Amino acid sequence: MIGIVATQSSFDTAGRGTCPWQSFLCHEVMTVLPLHIRLRPQRLAAAVFGRLGQTRHVQAAATRDPRDAVVKIFNTRQRPGWTVPWQDQPVESTSGSGAVIATRLGLGSEVGRAVLTAAHVIADSRYLQVQRTNDRFGGEKFRAHVVAVCHEIDLALLRLEEEEVLEEMEPLVVGSATELPRVFDKVRVVGYPIGGDACSVTEGVVSRVEVQEYSHSLRFGLALTVDAAINSGNSGGPLVDALSGHVVGVAFQKMVARGVELQGHAVPAPVIQRFLEDVASSAAGEGSPVRLKMPSLGCDYQSLEPPALRQSLGLDELKGILISRLHHADPGRHATGLAAGDVLLTFNGHKLDELGFADLFGRRLHFGAARDLCRVGSAVEMEVWRGGARHMVQQVLRPAQHLVPRGQYDVRPRFFIVGGLVFQALSNEYLQGWAAHERPAHLQELFIGGHATPERNEAVILAQILADLVNAGYDSGWVGAPVVSEVNGTAVRNLSHFVQLVEAGRQNHALPTGRLEIRVLLGGGPFRIVLPLKGLDEADERIQRIYGLPRLGSETYERS
């Protein structure tokens, strides 16, 4: 299971757990004729049974048992070792749930059957299998493959090698892209929590609809909160509207904290439809899944709730949020897009208030919900307050780029070893090697407050030292994870650039005074490391042999 630890609470993605089995309760519909209507017995019977038949037909369609279209997903996964990047963690077996739907699986493809589930259910997979509910079908498991995944909104789409298996199942219908369920709407969570093998159903109501943090990606997005039990193993299963039978959400996490009960979260139908549209318009590669990204404004912003702050900006009656910092600093970019110091008044036609909320789907929601309905690469119109006047600007929405990546799945850690010094790109996954209160303060500060710039779009750290004669005197093992700043006097932009600088420096190995000079930043100030170039190649071969290293670097140093 994956979780994030907050001050007093945490979110767990429901991978496995316990949940009592609960079946549907079908209520009989009673039809009443007005007392003043008088009909002959034959006509009366026809009217009564005709209306009852129609009502029962509508009810049968509306309350279709969804369990026939919900499958159990078995994931044999192996996560990389982020603190020892050339090793993998032990193999694990996990399970989750998924819903059979009808959708297009790529550009030019026909509508076919696929399994909709949560991305964390299939993350870091080595072998995937799908099993239909064994109280209605056989217990056979079928090989499955990932067609598309978007880890930022925790959604994935699977196909089966034996496609005819899904053709035997009537797919569920995904809800509207333009509607959200209302608070108090009755919903059912369908899936396979541990505690039994049959498909389980729990029932509750929609409690909240708002933008929340997704624990799988640490990204904020629109989510439904329901009081129906969502337990480990329910993840990826459908949240079904009790009246229409449509999928209005995909279960993906629950809040775990002292004093908190029955707060499960689901990805809502408009976000699911946005994901399916992107999959349908993508050019899926043979054998490789489509990896989708969500759009970002590429900035930090703050609310304008304090009246004194609004007055200092000369807003009068205008409302909006203050753009405090751009993530991708680019001189001149503000000429057509956002600039630090702008007050964002409208986003794509939606007027913002001082907290960033706007009218959307017939209610007040944070404008991040409107952002997520846009495509990556699309240009959106915005009105800003700049220099005491209102201006219309256009911003191209790009994927978020953090100085310290987070939500990395299905990828290998990037690292490089020279002279026994192990360098790698800092990531949230690396930081998770420590308990939250034990993480190195200087690395945690980069994770929380660092942002990418043209001069540095990635933090490179000295993760550990493998002791050898060539690096004698610099200690060994973990040495505090200092951040690399320079190689031979040139500032380091990212890991790929670091490797280029090292390889360029090694070209001077024939000179008796040739050396690599690497500067790092520790808590006590800058620190200098020098490696002699003479004999460095032999030292690398010796270190690889002594420490049993499969290689001295990752397959790629480029950031994905």
Protein backbone atom coordinates (compact mmCIF):
# COMPACT_ATOMS: atom_id res chain seq x y z
CA MET A 1 0.00 0.00 0.00
CA ILE A 2 1.05 3.55 -0.66
CA GLY A 3 0.27 6.37 1.73
CA ILE A 4 1.22 9.90 2.68
CA VAL A 5 1.64 10.85 6.29
CA ALA A 6 0.07 14.17 7.26
CA THR A 7 0.18 15.84 10.65
CA GLN A 8 -2.62 13.77 12.08
CA SER A 9 -3.92 11.75 9.15
CA SER A 10 -2.90 9.80 6.10
CA PHE A 11 -4.34 8.58 2.84
CA ASP A 12 -3.98 4.92 1.97
CA THR A 13 -4.50 3.65 -1.53
CA ALA A 14 -6.67 0.63 -1.08
CA GLY A 15 -4.56 -2.23 -2.33
CA ARG A 16 -5.64 -5.00 0.05
CA GLY A 17 -7.76 -5.20 3.21
CA THR A 18 -10.98 -6.55 4.70
CA CYS A 19 -14.58 -5.72 3.95
CA PRO A 20 -17.88 -7.61 4.62
CA TRP A 21 -19.73 -8.80 1.55
CA GLN A 22 -22.97 -6.96 0.92
CA SER A 23 -25.51 -7.62 -1.82
CA PHE A 24 -27.95 -5.30 -3.50
CA LEU A 25 -31.35 -4.77 -1.95
CA CYS A 26 -33.87 -4.35 -4.77
CA HIS A 27 -36.92 -2.41 -3.68
CA GLU A 28 -40.29 -3.22 -5.23
CA VAL A 29 -41.92 -0.29 -7.03
CA MET A 30 -45.57 0.33 -6.12
CA THR A 31 -47.79 1.95 -8.73
CA VAL A 32 -50.87 3.86 -7.55
CA LEU A 33 -53.69 4.96 -9.83
CA PRO A 34 -55.65 8.13 -8.99
CA LEU A 35 -58.93 7.31 -7.21
CA HIS A 36 -61.06 9.35 -9.61
CA ILE A 37 -60.09 7.20 -12.61
CA ARG A 38 -62.69 4.55 -13.28
CA LEU A 39 -61.92 1.84 -15.81
CA ARG A 40 -63.45 -1.46 -16.81
CA PRO A 41 -61.74 -4.45 -15.10
CA GLN A 42 -59.93 -5.49 -18.28
CA ARG A 43 -58.67 -1.96 -19.00
CA LEU A 44 -57.82 -1.49 -15.32
CA ALA A 45 -55.70 -4.65 -15.31
CA ALA A 46 -53.99 -3.63 -18.54
CA ALA A 47 -53.22 -0.18 -17.18
CA VAL A 48 -51.89 -1.48 -13.86
CA PHE A 49 -49.75 -4.29 -15.26
CA GLY A 50 -48.66 -2.18 -18.20
CA ARG A 51 -47.33 0.53 -15.90
CA LEU A 52 -45.81 -2.01 -13.56
CA GLY A 53 -44.07 -3.69 -16.48
CA GLN A 54 -42.67 -0.41 -17.70
CA THR A 55 -41.51 0.56 -14.21
CA ARG A 56 -39.88 -2.79 -13.62
CA HIS A 57 -38.12 -2.55 -16.99
CA VAL A 58 -36.73 0.88 -16.11
CA GLN A 59 -35.74 -0.34 -12.65
CA ALA A 60 -34.05 -3.43 -14.07
CA ALA A 61 -31.95 -1.26 -16.34
CA ALA A 62 -31.20 1.24 -13.60
CA THR A 63 -30.31 -1.27 -10.91
CA ARG A 64 -28.39 -3.70 -13.07
CA ASP A 65 -26.12 -5.82 -10.91
CA PRO A 66 -22.63 -4.46 -11.77
CA ARG A 67 -20.73 -7.39 -10.26
CA ASP A 68 -20.76 -9.26 -13.58
CA ALA A 69 -18.56 -6.50 -15.07
CA VAL A 70 -16.09 -6.09 -12.17
CA VAL A 71 -12.87 -8.11 -12.19
CA LYS A 72 -10.09 -8.86 -9.75
CA ILE A 73 -6.58 -7.81 -10.77
CA PHE A 74 -3.48 -9.68 -9.60
CA ASN A 75 -0.21 -7.76 -9.82
CA THR A 76 3.19 -9.36 -9.35
CA ARG A 77 5.34 -6.30 -8.91
CA GLN A 78 8.91 -5.41 -8.13
CA ARG A 79 9.86 -1.91 -7.11
CA PRO A 80 13.34 -0.53 -7.68
CA GLY A 81 15.64 0.22 -4.79
CA TRP A 82 15.75 4.00 -4.80
CA THR A 83 18.42 4.22 -2.09
CA VAL A 84 20.50 1.43 -3.70
CA PRO A 85 19.67 2.20 -7.33
CA TRP A 86 21.36 -0.82 -8.94
CA GLN A 87 19.23 -3.25 -6.89
CA ASP A 88 15.53 -4.14 -6.86
CA GLN A 89 13.29 -4.69 -3.88
CA PRO A 90 11.77 -8.15 -3.23
CA VAL A 91 8.95 -9.34 -5.47
CA GLU A 92 5.46 -8.64 -4.07
CA SER A 93 1.99 -9.91 -4.87
CA THR A 94 -0.89 -7.43 -4.61
CA SER A 95 -4.46 -7.29 -5.85
CA GLY A 96 -7.08 -4.72 -6.74
CA SER A 97 -10.27 -4.31 -8.71
CA GLY A 98 -11.33 -3.05 -12.13
CA ALA A 99 -14.42 -2.46 -14.26
CA VAL A 100 -15.03 -3.71 -17.80
CA ILE A 101 -15.96 -0.80 -20.08
CA ALA A 102 -16.28 -0.18 -23.80
CA THR A 103 -13.82 2.36 -25.19
CA ARG A 104 -11.31 3.05 -27.96
CA LEU A 105 -7.73 2.00 -27.17
CA GLY A 106 -5.89 4.33 -29.52
CA LEU A 107 -6.00 6.52 -32.59
CA GLY A 108 -8.01 4.84 -35.36
CA SER A 109 -9.00 1.84 -33.26
CA GLU A 110 -12.52 0.46 -32.96
CA VAL A 111 -14.49 0.50 -29.73
CA GLY A 112 -13.60 -2.58 -27.73
CA ARG A 113 -13.61 -3.96 -24.22
CA ALA A 114 -11.01 -2.90 -21.67
CA VAL A 115 -10.55 -2.90 -17.90
CA LEU A 116 -10.57 0.47 -16.15
CA THR A 117 -8.68 0.52 -12.85
CA ALA A 118 -6.44 2.65 -10.63
CA ALA A 119 -2.84 3.27 -11.66
CA HIS A 120 -1.41 2.23 -8.29
CA VAL A 121 -3.03 -1.20 -8.69
CA ILE A 122 -0.77 -1.97 -11.67
CA ALA A 123 2.27 0.18 -10.80
CA ASP A 124 5.74 -1.40 -11.16
CA SER A 125 4.14 -4.54 -12.56
CA ARG A 126 6.11 -7.53 -13.78
CA TYR A 127 3.14 -9.80 -14.44
CA LEU A 128 -0.58 -8.93 -14.53
CA GLN A 129 -3.59 -11.26 -14.40
CA VAL A 130 -7.33 -10.65 -14.37
CA GLN A 131 -10.01 -12.91 -12.91
CA ARG A 132 -13.76 -12.62 -13.36
CA THR A 133 -16.02 -13.03 -10.34
CA ASN A 134 -15.87 -16.73 -9.57
CA ASP A 135 -19.45 -16.98 -8.31
CA ARG A 136 -20.67 -16.20 -11.83
CA PHE A 137 -17.79 -17.29 -14.07
CA GLY A 138 -14.96 -19.77 -13.71
CA GLY A 139 -11.98 -18.99 -11.53
CA GLU A 140 -9.50 -18.92 -14.43
CA LYS A 141 -6.98 -16.07 -14.52
CA PHE A 142 -6.11 -14.34 -17.79
CA ARG A 143 -2.92 -12.51 -18.76
CA ALA A 144 -3.37 -8.73 -18.96
CA HIS A 145 -1.28 -5.81 -20.21
CA VAL A 146 -1.36 -2.07 -19.53
CA VAL A 147 -2.67 -0.07 -22.50
CA ALA A 148 -2.48 3.38 -20.92
CA VAL A 149 -1.71 4.88 -17.53
CA CYS A 150 -1.78 8.30 -15.92
CA HIS A 151 -0.21 8.15 -12.48
CA GLU A 152 -1.04 11.79 -11.73
CA ILE A 153 -4.78 11.03 -11.57
CA ASP A 154 -4.35 7.35 -10.60
CA LEU A 155 -6.05 5.80 -13.64
CA ALA A 156 -5.06 2.94 -15.93
CA LEU A 157 -6.56 0.90 -18.75
CA LEU A 158 -5.84 -2.79 -19.34
CA ARG A 159 -6.42 -5.24 -22.18
CA LEU A 160 -6.44 -9.01 -22.06
CA GLU A 161 -4.43 -11.29 -24.32
CA GLU A 162 -7.60 -13.37 -24.76
CA GLU A 163 -9.84 -10.50 -25.83
CA GLU A 164 -12.88 -12.73 -26.28
CA VAL A 165 -13.06 -13.17 -22.50
CA LEU A 166 -14.19 -9.57 -22.03
CA GLU A 167 -16.56 -9.81 -25.00
CA GLU A 168 -18.61 -12.25 -22.92
CA MET A 169 -19.19 -9.53 -20.31
CA GLU A 170 -21.61 -6.64 -20.61
CA PRO A 171 -19.57 -3.46 -20.00
CA LEU A 172 -20.48 -0.79 -17.52
CA VAL A 173 -21.22 2.71 -18.78
CA VAL A 174 -18.98 5.54 -17.59
CA GLY A 175 -20.90 8.60 -16.44
CA SER A 176 -21.13 11.96 -18.17
CA ALA A 177 -18.13 14.19 -18.79
CA THR A 178 -20.24 17.23 -17.91
CA GLU A 179 -21.92 16.16 -14.69
CA LEU A 180 -20.91 15.32 -11.15
CA PRO A 181 -22.99 13.46 -8.56
CA ARG A 182 -24.65 15.56 -5.89
CA VAL A 183 -24.04 15.35 -2.19
CA PHE A 184 -26.52 12.79 -0.71
CA ASP A 185 -26.61 10.80 -3.98
CA LYS A 186 -26.58 7.09 -3.18
CA VAL A 187 -23.61 5.17 -4.59
CA ARG A 188 -22.19 1.64 -4.41
CA VAL A 189 -18.55 0.58 -4.27
CA VAL A 190 -17.95 -2.70 -6.08
CA GLY A 191 -14.72 -4.66 -5.83
CA TYR A 192 -12.62 -7.36 -4.18
CA PRO A 193 -11.41 -6.40 -0.69
CA ILE A 194 -9.75 -9.20 1.24
CA GLY A 195 -11.90 -11.29 3.51
CA GLY A 196 -13.45 -13.33 0.73
CA ASP A 197 -13.20 -14.28 -2.92
CA ALA A 198 -16.60 -13.15 -4.23
CA CYS A 199 -17.26 -9.65 -5.52
CA SER A 200 -18.21 -7.29 -2.70
CA VAL A 201 -20.66 -4.39 -2.63
CA THR A 202 -20.85 -1.59 -0.07
CA GLU A 203 -23.33 1.28 -0.17
CA GLY A 204 -23.29 4.88 0.96
CA VAL A 205 -23.72 8.45 -0.21
CA VAL A 206 -21.56 11.13 -1.77
CA SER A 207 -20.29 13.21 1.14
CA ARG A 208 -18.16 15.85 -0.60
CA VAL A 209 -17.04 16.92 -4.06
CA GLU A 210 -13.85 18.96 -4.06
CA VAL A 211 -10.22 19.18 -5.14
CA GLN A 212 -8.09 16.92 -2.93
CA GLU A 213 -4.58 15.53 -2.83
CA TYR A 214 -4.04 12.22 -4.61
CA SER A 215 -1.70 10.20 -2.39
CA HIS A 216 -0.35 8.17 -5.35
CA SER A 217 1.07 11.23 -7.11
CA LEU A 218 1.02 13.94 -4.39
CA ARG A 219 -0.94 16.06 -6.88
CA PHE A 220 -4.19 17.91 -6.24
CA GLY A 221 -7.17 17.00 -8.40
CA LEU A 222 -10.95 16.72 -8.35
CA ALA A 223 -12.23 13.83 -6.22
CA LEU A 224 -15.43 12.46 -4.71
CA THR A 225 -15.65 11.65 -1.01
CA VAL A 226 -18.06 8.84 -0.10
CA ASP A 227 -19.02 7.15 3.16
CA ALA A 228 -19.34 3.73 1.54
CA ALA A 229 -16.59 1.47 2.85
CA ILE A 230 -13.48 1.47 0.62
CA ASN A 231 -10.98 -1.07 1.89
CA SER A 232 -7.73 -2.58 0.71
CA GLY A 233 -8.46 -4.47 -2.48
CA ASN A 234 -11.28 -2.09 -3.53
CA SER A 235 -8.82 0.17 -5.35
CA GLY A 236 -9.60 0.47 -9.03
CA GLY A 237 -13.14 -0.78 -8.57
CA PRO A 238 -16.09 1.27 -9.83
CA LEU A 239 -18.18 3.68 -7.81
CA VAL A 240 -21.64 3.06 -9.26
CA ASP A 241 -24.64 5.37 -9.10
CA ALA A 242 -27.44 3.48 -7.35
CA LEU A 243 -30.14 4.78 -9.70
CA SER A 244 -28.55 4.84 -13.14
CA GLY A 245 -26.04 2.05 -12.69
CA HIS A 246 -23.38 4.20 -14.39
CA VAL A 247 -19.78 4.43 -13.20
CA VAL A 248 -19.47 7.82 -11.51
CA GLY A 249 -16.02 7.20 -10.05
CA VAL A 250 -13.05 4.88 -9.57
CA ALA A 251 -12.11 4.10 -5.96
CA PHE A 252 -8.50 4.98 -5.23
CA GLN A 253 -7.83 5.92 -1.59
CA LYS A 254 -9.26 6.43 1.87
CA MET A 255 -8.35 8.70 4.75
CA VAL A 256 -6.79 6.94 7.73
CA ALA A 257 -6.55 8.90 10.98
CA ARG A 258 -7.59 8.79 14.59
CA GLY A 259 -11.23 9.79 14.82
CA VAL A 260 -11.83 9.51 11.05
CA GLU A 261 -14.19 6.91 9.65
CA LEU A 262 -15.75 6.19 6.26
CA GLN A 263 -13.92 8.76 4.16
CA GLY A 264 -13.12 7.06 0.87
CA HIS A 265 -12.18 8.88 -2.32
CA ALA A 266 -12.93 8.21 -5.97
CA VAL A 267 -11.77 9.71 -9.28
CA PRO A 268 -14.94 11.34 -10.74
CA ALA A 269 -16.45 10.59 -14.15
CA PRO A 270 -15.44 13.88 -15.88
CA VAL A 271 -11.78 13.15 -15.08
CA ILE A 272 -12.20 9.54 -16.23
CA GLN A 273 -13.73 10.71 -19.51
CA ARG A 274 -10.84 13.15 -20.01
CA PHE A 275 -8.43 10.22 -19.54
CA LEU A 276 -10.36 7.99 -21.97
CA GLU A 277 -10.45 10.75 -24.60
CA ASP A 278 -6.69 11.18 -24.36
CA VAL A 279 -6.21 7.42 -24.72
CA ALA A 280 -8.53 7.28 -27.74
CA SER A 281 -6.58 10.06 -29.50
CA SER A 282 -3.13 8.72 -28.69
CA ALA A 283 -0.84 6.69 -30.92
CA ALA A 284 -0.29 3.63 -28.77
CA GLY A 285 3.06 1.96 -29.32
CA GLU A 286 3.19 -1.78 -29.89
CA GLY A 287 3.97 -3.44 -26.58
CA SER A 288 4.49 -0.20 -24.68
CA PRO A 289 1.69 1.56 -22.78
CA VAL A 290 0.71 5.17 -23.36
CA ARG A 291 1.94 7.27 -20.44
CA LEU A 292 -0.27 10.32 -20.09
CA LYS A 293 0.44 13.52 -18.19
CA MET A 294 -1.87 16.12 -16.71
CA PRO A 295 -1.68 19.85 -17.49
CA SER A 296 -0.14 22.41 -15.18
CA LEU A 297 -0.07 26.21 -15.07
CA GLY A 298 3.59 26.00 -14.09
CA CYS A 299 3.39 28.45 -11.21
CA ASP A 300 2.84 28.89 -7.49
CA TYR A 301 0.01 31.12 -6.30
CA GLN A 302 -1.52 32.41 -3.09
CA SER A 303 -5.00 33.42 -2.06
CA LEU A 304 -6.01 37.07 -1.82
CA GLU A 305 -8.26 36.70 1.18
CA PRO A 306 -6.57 39.46 3.28
CA PRO A 307 -8.24 42.83 2.44
CA ALA A 308 -4.97 44.69 3.00
CA LEU A 309 -3.23 42.54 0.38
CA ARG A 310 -6.01 43.15 -2.17
CA GLN A 311 -5.89 46.90 -1.49
CA SER A 312 -2.11 46.98 -1.98
CA LEU A 313 -2.62 45.53 -5.46
CA GLY A 314 -5.32 48.09 -6.32
CA LEU A 315 -7.94 45.44 -7.03
CA ASP A 316 -10.97 47.30 -5.60
CA GLU A 317 -13.88 44.93 -6.33
CA LEU A 318 -11.90 42.56 -8.55
CA LYS A 319 -11.18 39.07 -7.25
CA GLY A 320 -8.54 36.49 -8.08
CA ILE A 321 -5.35 34.82 -6.89
CA LEU A 322 -1.78 36.12 -6.88
CA ILE A 323 0.83 34.39 -9.07
CA SER A 324 3.82 34.29 -6.73
CA ARG A 325 6.39 32.31 -8.74
CA LEU A 326 6.80 30.64 -12.12
CA HIS A 327 8.20 27.12 -12.19
CA HIS A 328 9.86 27.57 -15.57
CA ALA A 329 11.61 30.92 -15.40
CA ASP A 330 11.89 32.25 -18.94
CA PRO A 331 12.66 35.93 -19.56
CA GLY A 332 10.07 37.40 -21.91
CA ARG A 333 7.56 34.62 -21.43
CA HIS A 334 5.22 36.95 -19.57
CA ALA A 335 4.71 38.86 -22.82
CA THR A 336 2.12 36.26 -23.87
CA GLY A 337 1.55 34.22 -20.70
CA LEU A 338 1.52 34.53 -16.94
CA ALA A 339 4.16 36.49 -15.04
CA ALA A 340 5.08 36.56 -11.37
CA GLY A 341 3.04 39.29 -9.69
CA ASP A 342 -0.02 38.83 -11.92
CA VAL A 343 -3.43 38.46 -10.32
CA LEU A 344 -5.31 35.71 -12.14
CA LEU A 345 -8.92 36.89 -12.54
CA THR A 346 -10.37 34.30 -14.94
CA PHE A 347 -9.26 30.90 -16.21
CA ASN A 348 -10.65 29.63 -19.49
CA GLY A 349 -13.79 31.71 -19.04
CA HIS A 350 -14.30 30.90 -15.35
CA LYS A 351 -14.24 33.87 -12.96
CA LEU A 352 -12.13 33.21 -9.87
CA ASP A 353 -12.71 34.42 -6.34
CA GLU A 354 -9.98 35.34 -3.85
CA LEU A 355 -9.50 31.64 -2.94
CA GLY A 356 -9.29 30.42 -6.52
CA PHE A 357 -12.79 28.96 -6.64
CA ALA A 358 -15.08 29.21 -9.65
CA ASP A 359 -18.53 28.09 -10.82
CA LEU A 360 -18.08 24.64 -12.36
CA PHE A 361 -20.48 21.71 -12.79
CA GLY A 362 -23.19 23.74 -11.09
CA ARG A 363 -21.24 24.31 -7.87
CA ARG A 364 -18.23 26.13 -6.45
CA LEU A 365 -14.99 24.24 -7.07
CA HIS A 366 -11.31 25.16 -7.09
CA PHE A 367 -10.25 26.16 -10.60
CA GLY A 368 -7.80 23.22 -10.60
CA ALA A 369 -10.81 21.11 -11.56
CA ALA A 370 -11.25 23.20 -14.73
CA ARG A 371 -7.53 22.96 -15.48
CA ASP A 372 -7.67 19.16 -15.41
CA LEU A 373 -10.38 19.13 -18.07
CA CYS A 374 -7.91 20.70 -20.53
CA ARG A 375 -5.40 18.81 -22.63
CA VAL A 376 -1.65 19.06 -22.24
CA GLY A 377 -0.43 21.43 -24.94
CA SER A 378 -3.69 23.34 -25.19
CA ALA A 379 -3.69 27.15 -24.97
CA VAL A 380 -6.14 28.69 -22.51
CA GLU A 381 -7.31 32.29 -22.33
CA MET A 382 -6.91 34.05 -19.00
CA GLU A 383 -7.56 37.52 -17.72
CA VAL A 384 -5.00 38.99 -15.33
CA TRP A 385 -4.50 42.18 -13.37
CA ARG A 386 -1.04 43.52 -14.19
CA GLY A 387 0.42 46.97 -13.69
CA GLY A 388 -2.89 48.43 -12.56
CA ALA A 389 -4.83 47.26 -15.63
CA ARG A 390 -6.68 44.20 -16.92
CA HIS A 391 -5.02 42.16 -19.67
CA MET A 392 -5.95 39.04 -21.63
CA VAL A 393 -3.11 36.51 -21.84
CA GLN A 394 -2.77 33.05 -23.31
CA GLN A 395 -0.96 30.23 -21.56
CA VAL A 396 0.04 26.85 -22.99
CA LEU A 397 -0.56 24.13 -20.42
CA ARG A 398 2.43 21.84 -20.03
CA PRO A 399 3.10 18.87 -17.73
CA ALA A 400 4.30 19.82 -14.25
CA GLN A 401 8.07 19.77 -13.80
CA HIS A 402 9.31 19.70 -10.22
CA LEU A 403 12.89 20.18 -9.17
CA VAL A 404 12.45 17.01 -7.10
CA PRO A 405 10.28 14.48 -9.00
CA ARG A 406 7.47 12.72 -7.21
CA GLY A 407 5.02 9.99 -8.19
CA GLN A 408 7.60 7.98 -10.17
CA TYR A 409 6.40 4.51 -11.13
CA ASP A 410 7.32 2.01 -13.84
CA VAL A 411 10.73 3.71 -14.15
CA ARG A 412 14.23 2.91 -12.95
CA PRO A 413 16.31 5.19 -10.69
CA ARG A 414 18.91 7.17 -12.61
CA PHE A 415 22.42 6.99 -11.18
CA PHE A 416 26.08 7.30 -12.14
CA ILE A 417 29.19 5.91 -10.38
CA VAL A 418 32.69 7.32 -10.86
CA GLY A 419 35.64 6.58 -8.60
CA GLY A 420 33.32 4.83 -6.14
CA LEU A 421 31.18 7.97 -5.73
CA VAL A 422 27.50 7.19 -6.31
CA PHE A 423 25.52 10.11 -7.75
CA GLN A 424 21.80 10.11 -8.44
CA ALA A 425 18.91 12.45 -9.04
CA LEU A 426 17.05 13.42 -5.87
CA SER A 427 13.44 12.24 -5.85
CA ASN A 428 10.58 11.79 -3.42
CA GLU A 429 11.02 8.04 -3.77
CA TYR A 430 14.61 8.40 -2.52
CA LEU A 431 13.39 10.45 0.46
CA GLN A 432 10.85 7.76 1.33
CA GLY A 433 13.81 5.62 2.39
CA TRP A 434 13.57 7.55 5.67
CA ALA A 435 10.72 8.08 8.07
CA ALA A 436 9.14 11.50 7.50
CA HIS A 437 10.69 13.01 10.66
CA GLU A 438 14.15 11.60 9.91
CA ARG A 439 14.68 12.88 6.37
CA PRO A 440 17.74 15.10 5.80
CA ALA A 441 16.54 18.66 6.29
CA HIS A 442 18.38 20.12 3.27
CA LEU A 443 16.83 17.48 0.95
CA GLN A 444 13.35 17.90 2.41
CA GLU A 445 13.66 21.65 1.88
CA LEU A 446 14.46 21.08 -1.81
CA PHE A 447 11.46 18.77 -2.11
CA ILE A 448 9.04 21.24 -0.54
CA GLY A 449 10.36 24.61 -1.71
CA GLY A 450 12.72 23.99 -4.63
CA HIS A 451 11.63 24.82 -8.16
CA ALA A 452 13.09 24.18 -11.59
CA THR A 453 14.92 26.94 -13.45
CA PRO A 454 16.85 27.04 -16.75
CA GLU A 455 20.05 26.95 -14.69
CA ARG A 456 19.03 23.88 -12.67
CA ASN A 457 16.04 21.69 -13.36
CA GLU A 458 17.13 18.75 -11.22
CA ALA A 459 19.03 18.23 -7.96
CA VAL A 460 21.96 15.79 -8.14
CA ILE A 461 23.18 14.30 -4.86
CA LEU A 462 26.19 12.26 -3.74
CA ALA A 463 24.18 9.34 -2.37
CA GLN A 464 27.03 7.22 -0.99
CA ILE A 465 30.72 6.37 -1.34
CA LEU A 466 32.03 2.88 -2.11
CA ALA A 467 35.40 2.96 -0.37
CA ASP A 468 38.51 2.38 -2.50
CA LEU A 469 42.07 3.59 -2.78
CA VAL A 470 41.04 6.16 -5.40
CA ASN A 471 38.67 7.93 -2.96
CA ALA A 472 40.60 7.35 0.25
CA GLY A 473 39.99 9.99 2.92
CA TYR A 474 36.46 10.94 1.85
CA ASP A 475 34.78 8.49 4.23
CA SER A 476 32.49 5.70 3.02
CA GLY A 477 28.85 4.69 2.94
CA TRP A 478 26.25 7.38 3.44
CA VAL A 479 27.96 10.76 3.79
CA GLY A 480 24.98 13.08 4.30
CA ALA A 481 23.73 13.23 0.69
CA PRO A 482 25.31 16.59 -0.24
CA VAL A 483 23.97 18.35 -3.34
CA VAL A 484 26.35 18.64 -6.30
CA SER A 485 26.92 22.21 -7.48
CA GLU A 486 29.89 22.14 -9.92
CA VAL A 487 32.21 19.88 -11.92
CA ASN A 488 35.54 21.45 -12.88
CA GLY A 489 34.08 24.92 -12.38
CA THR A 490 30.89 24.42 -14.41
CA ALA A 491 27.50 24.57 -12.67
CA VAL A 492 25.48 21.33 -12.89
CA ARG A 493 21.97 21.54 -14.40
CA ASN A 494 20.87 17.91 -13.97
CA LEU A 495 22.20 14.35 -13.84
CA SER A 496 22.61 14.05 -17.60
CA HIS A 497 24.62 17.29 -17.67
CA PHE A 498 26.70 16.05 -14.71
CA VAL A 499 27.63 12.88 -16.62
CA GLN A 500 28.59 14.95 -19.67
CA LEU A 501 30.89 17.15 -17.56
CA VAL A 502 32.55 14.12 -15.96
CA GLU A 503 33.11 12.41 -19.31
CA ALA A 504 34.50 15.63 -20.77
CA GLY A 505 36.86 15.96 -17.82
CA ARG A 506 38.10 12.39 -18.26
CA GLN A 507 39.47 13.32 -21.68
CA ASN A 508 42.44 14.86 -19.83
CA HIS A 509 43.49 11.53 -18.32
CA ALA A 510 46.86 11.61 -20.15
CA LEU A 511 47.92 14.74 -18.28
CA PRO A 512 49.88 14.02 -15.08
CA THR A 513 47.92 16.76 -13.28
CA GLY A 514 44.54 15.75 -14.74
CA ARG A 515 41.79 15.52 -12.14
CA LEU A 516 38.07 15.78 -11.57
CA GLU A 517 37.06 18.46 -9.13
CA ILE A 518 33.51 18.09 -7.84
CA ARG A 519 31.99 20.67 -5.52
CA VAL A 520 29.08 19.79 -3.28
CA LEU A 521 26.99 21.65 -0.73
CA LEU A 522 26.74 20.30 2.79
CA GLY A 523 24.89 21.74 5.78
CA GLY A 524 28.14 23.31 6.99
CA GLY A 525 28.96 24.92 3.65
CA PRO A 526 30.63 24.00 0.34
CA PHE A 527 32.88 20.94 0.14
CA ARG A 528 35.42 19.96 -2.51
CA ILE A 529 36.12 16.43 -3.82
CA VAL A 530 39.07 15.70 -6.13
CA LEU A 531 39.57 12.44 -8.04
CA PRO A 532 42.80 11.78 -9.96
CA LEU A 533 42.20 10.89 -13.60
CA LYS A 534 45.27 8.68 -13.75
CA GLY A 535 44.14 5.14 -12.93
CA LEU A 536 40.46 6.14 -12.67
CA ASP A 537 39.33 3.66 -15.33
CA GLU A 538 41.13 0.83 -13.54
CA ALA A 539 39.61 1.95 -10.22
CA ASP A 540 36.09 1.85 -11.70
CA GLU A 541 36.64 -1.71 -12.94
CA ARG A 542 38.01 -2.74 -9.55
CA ILE A 543 35.11 -1.16 -7.64
CA GLN A 544 32.55 -2.79 -9.91
CA ARG A 545 34.13 -6.19 -9.29
CA ILE A 546 34.60 -5.80 -5.52
CA TYR A 547 31.08 -4.52 -4.82
CA GLY A 548 29.36 -6.80 -7.34
CA LEU A 549 27.85 -3.93 -9.32
CA PRO A 550 25.96 -5.00 -12.45
CA ARG A 551 26.82 -1.66 -14.06
CA LEU A 552 28.27 1.74 -13.24
CA GLY A 553 25.25 3.74 -14.34
CA SER A 554 21.61 3.58 -15.33
CA GLU A 555 20.49 2.88 -18.89
CA THR A 556 19.56 6.52 -19.31
CA TYR A 557 20.46 9.70 -17.48
CA GLU A 558 17.70 11.75 -19.09
CA ARG A 559 14.66 12.66 -17.10
CA SER A 560 11.48 11.03 -18.41
